[in-house]
């Protein structure tokens, strides 16, 4: 009996005759088009590209037809190559860059919101794991009005039956 162990590849993942790869592209390339060279499993170099104006969204997947592995049932046919895109956004923009983008995207700018008052306006800040609230898993614990909580200025809820 022969056992074959499939070795993990640094670029491709295999699903039967289909292959998948992740491609990191810049925001500019996602909006304006890209060309990227890669080496296939057989050592041949290939280029994948998008058309100018064909916008690529973050985490989208495109198919390159017949660029997978040969089919088990018919070696003359190949599976497909699926390309998963990760978009690299710039870390920041200076004022000039922001103004240039504002001019380019002026037609896409959403309508300004009605003035609803400063107390209802909130700024988004960068996410940190410490921001995640740990809810108790047991529903009864979540509503437990233990003495230790009441002693901290919280009032427990007590239900009465009639």
Protein backbone atom coordinates (compact mmCIF):
# COMPACT_ATOMS: atom_id res chain seq x y z
CA UNK A 1 0.00 0.00 0.00
CA UNK A 2 1.27 3.47 -0.90
CA UNK A 3 0.29 6.53 1.12
CA UNK A 4 0.71 9.94 -0.46
CA UNK A 5 0.90 12.97 1.81
CA UNK A 6 0.22 16.25 0.13
CA UNK A 7 2.79 18.89 1.02
CA UNK A 8 1.46 22.38 1.71
CA UNK A 9 2.49 24.90 -0.95
CA UNK A 10 3.46 28.49 -0.08
CA UNK A 11 1.28 29.99 -2.84
CA UNK A 12 -1.43 27.51 -3.83
CA UNK A 13 -4.05 25.52 -1.99
CA UNK A 14 -5.57 22.53 -3.77
CA UNK A 15 -9.22 21.43 -3.83
CA UNK A 16 -9.36 18.41 -6.17
CA UNK A 17 -8.42 19.80 -9.62
CA UNK A 18 -8.93 23.45 -8.63
CA UNK A 19 -6.26 25.68 -7.15
CA UNK A 20 -6.65 28.77 -4.99
CA UNK A 21 -4.20 31.55 -4.23
CA UNK A 22 -4.28 34.84 -2.34
CA UNK A 23 -3.06 37.95 -4.10
CA UNK A 24 -2.30 41.18 -2.27
CA UNK A 25 -2.84 44.30 -4.36
CA UNK A 26 -2.80 47.99 -3.53
CA UNK A 27 -5.91 50.15 -3.33
CA UNK A 28 -4.73 51.86 -6.51
CA UNK A 29 -4.53 48.50 -8.31
CA UNK A 30 -7.97 47.50 -6.98
CA UNK A 31 -9.48 50.67 -8.45
CA UNK A 32 -7.40 51.15 -11.61
CA UNK A 33 -6.34 47.65 -12.66
CA UNK A 34 -3.34 45.43 -11.97
CA UNK A 35 -0.94 42.95 -13.57
CA UNK A 36 0.84 40.37 -11.48
CA UNK A 37 3.27 37.64 -12.50
CA UNK A 38 3.34 34.32 -10.67
CA UNK A 39 5.03 30.95 -11.13
CA UNK A 40 2.63 28.03 -11.55
CA UNK A 41 3.25 24.60 -10.03
CA UNK A 42 4.90 23.40 -13.25
CA UNK A 43 7.47 26.22 -13.09
CA UNK A 44 5.96 28.26 -15.95
CA UNK A 45 5.46 31.97 -15.41
CA UNK A 46 1.97 33.39 -15.94
CA UNK A 47 0.38 36.83 -15.60
CA UNK A 48 -3.01 37.57 -14.07
CA UNK A 49 -4.52 40.97 -14.67
CA UNK A 50 -7.70 42.98 -14.46
CA UNK A 51 -9.16 45.47 -16.88
CA UNK A 52 -8.95 49.15 -16.11
CA UNK A 53 -12.28 50.15 -14.58
CA UNK A 54 -13.01 46.62 -13.29
CA UNK A 55 -12.96 47.37 -9.56
CA UNK A 56 -11.83 44.61 -7.22
CA UNK A 57 -13.48 44.64 -3.80
CA UNK A 58 -11.73 43.46 -0.63
CA UNK A 59 -11.98 39.69 -0.14
CA UNK A 60 -13.44 39.17 -3.60
CA UNK A 61 -12.59 36.07 -5.62
CA UNK A 62 -11.97 35.93 -9.37
CA UNK A 63 -11.63 32.81 -11.51
CA UNK A 64 -8.87 32.08 -14.02
CA UNK A 65 -10.43 29.35 -16.15
CA UNK A 66 -8.45 26.15 -16.81
CA UNK A 67 -5.41 27.22 -14.76
CA UNK A 68 -5.85 24.48 -12.15
CA UNK A 69 -4.61 20.90 -12.19
CA UNK A 70 -5.49 18.27 -14.82
CA UNK A 71 -8.81 16.53 -14.18
CA UNK A 72 -8.51 12.95 -12.96
CA UNK A 73 -11.13 11.80 -15.47
CA UNK A 74 -9.67 13.66 -18.47
CA UNK A 75 -6.04 14.83 -18.43
CA UNK A 76 -6.72 17.10 -21.42
CA UNK A 77 -8.89 19.34 -19.22
CA UNK A 78 -7.81 21.39 -16.20
CA UNK A 79 -9.56 22.70 -13.14
CA UNK A 80 -9.72 26.42 -12.39
CA UNK A 81 -7.56 28.82 -10.43
CA UNK A 82 -9.41 30.96 -7.88
CA UNK A 83 -7.70 34.21 -6.90
CA UNK A 84 -8.69 35.68 -3.53
CA UNK A 85 -7.83 39.38 -3.26
CA UNK A 86 -6.55 41.21 -0.22
CA UNK A 87 -6.51 44.96 -0.70
CA UNK A 88 -3.70 46.89 0.99
CA UNK A 89 -4.95 50.31 2.00
CA UNK A 90 -2.57 53.20 2.70
CA UNK A 91 -1.87 53.79 6.39
CA UNK A 92 -2.66 57.49 6.06
CA UNK A 93 -3.05 60.33 3.56
CA UNK A 94 -1.62 63.82 3.73
CA UNK A 95 -3.88 66.84 3.10
CA UNK A 96 -2.88 67.14 -0.57
CA UNK A 97 -3.61 63.47 -1.25
CA UNK A 98 -6.96 63.66 0.55
CA UNK A 99 -7.95 66.76 -1.47
CA UNK A 100 -6.94 65.05 -4.73
CA UNK A 101 -9.07 62.01 -3.89
CA UNK A 102 -11.93 64.26 -2.84
CA UNK A 103 -11.87 65.88 -6.29
CA UNK A 104 -11.69 62.53 -8.09
CA UNK A 105 -14.56 61.02 -6.11
CA UNK A 106 -16.70 64.18 -5.79
CA UNK A 107 -19.52 62.61 -7.85
CA UNK A 108 -19.59 59.59 -5.52
CA UNK A 109 -19.66 61.59 -2.30
CA UNK A 110 -22.79 60.81 -0.25
CA UNK A 111 -25.20 63.57 0.67
CA UNK A 112 -24.28 65.26 3.95
CA UNK A 113 -26.29 64.20 6.98
CA UNK A 114 -28.80 66.52 8.58
CA UNK A 115 -27.51 68.28 11.67
CA UNK A 116 -28.66 66.01 14.50
CA UNK A 117 -26.63 67.62 17.24
CA UNK A 118 -23.10 67.17 18.50
CA UNK A 119 -24.13 64.83 21.36
CA UNK A 120 -25.13 62.20 18.78
CA UNK A 121 -21.91 62.37 16.78
CA UNK A 122 -19.27 59.73 17.47
CA UNK A 123 -15.75 59.24 16.20
CA UNK A 124 -14.45 55.79 15.24
CA UNK A 125 -11.12 54.86 16.79
CA UNK A 126 -8.74 51.99 15.89
CA UNK A 127 -9.91 48.61 17.18
CA UNK A 128 -8.07 46.92 20.04
CA UNK A 129 -8.83 43.53 21.55
CA UNK A 130 -9.32 45.22 24.92
CA UNK A 131 -12.43 46.91 23.50
CA UNK A 132 -14.30 43.59 23.32
CA UNK A 133 -16.82 43.12 26.10
CA UNK A 134 -16.90 39.69 27.67
CA UNK A 135 -20.55 38.73 28.12
CA UNK A 136 -21.36 35.94 30.51
CA UNK A 137 -22.33 32.74 28.73
CA UNK A 138 -25.02 31.58 31.15
CA UNK A 139 -28.19 33.63 30.71
CA UNK A 140 -28.94 33.41 34.44
CA UNK A 141 -25.48 34.78 35.26
CA UNK A 142 -26.03 37.74 32.94
CA UNK A 143 -29.02 38.84 35.00
CA UNK A 144 -27.69 37.77 38.38
CA UNK A 145 -28.16 40.52 40.91
CA UNK A 146 -25.59 39.30 43.38
CA UNK A 147 -24.78 41.22 46.52
CA UNK A 148 -21.32 42.17 45.23
CA UNK A 149 -22.89 44.12 42.35
CA UNK A 150 -25.45 45.82 44.58
CA UNK A 151 -22.65 47.00 46.84
CA UNK A 152 -21.05 48.81 43.89
CA UNK A 153 -23.91 51.24 43.41
CA UNK A 154 -26.00 48.98 41.15
CA UNK A 155 -29.51 48.11 42.10
CA UNK A 156 -30.71 44.56 41.62
CA UNK A 157 -33.97 43.87 39.83
CA UNK A 158 -36.48 41.98 41.90
CA UNK A 159 -39.65 40.49 40.46
CA UNK A 160 -42.82 39.99 42.42
CA UNK A 161 -45.58 37.56 41.58
CA UNK A 162 -49.19 38.60 41.94
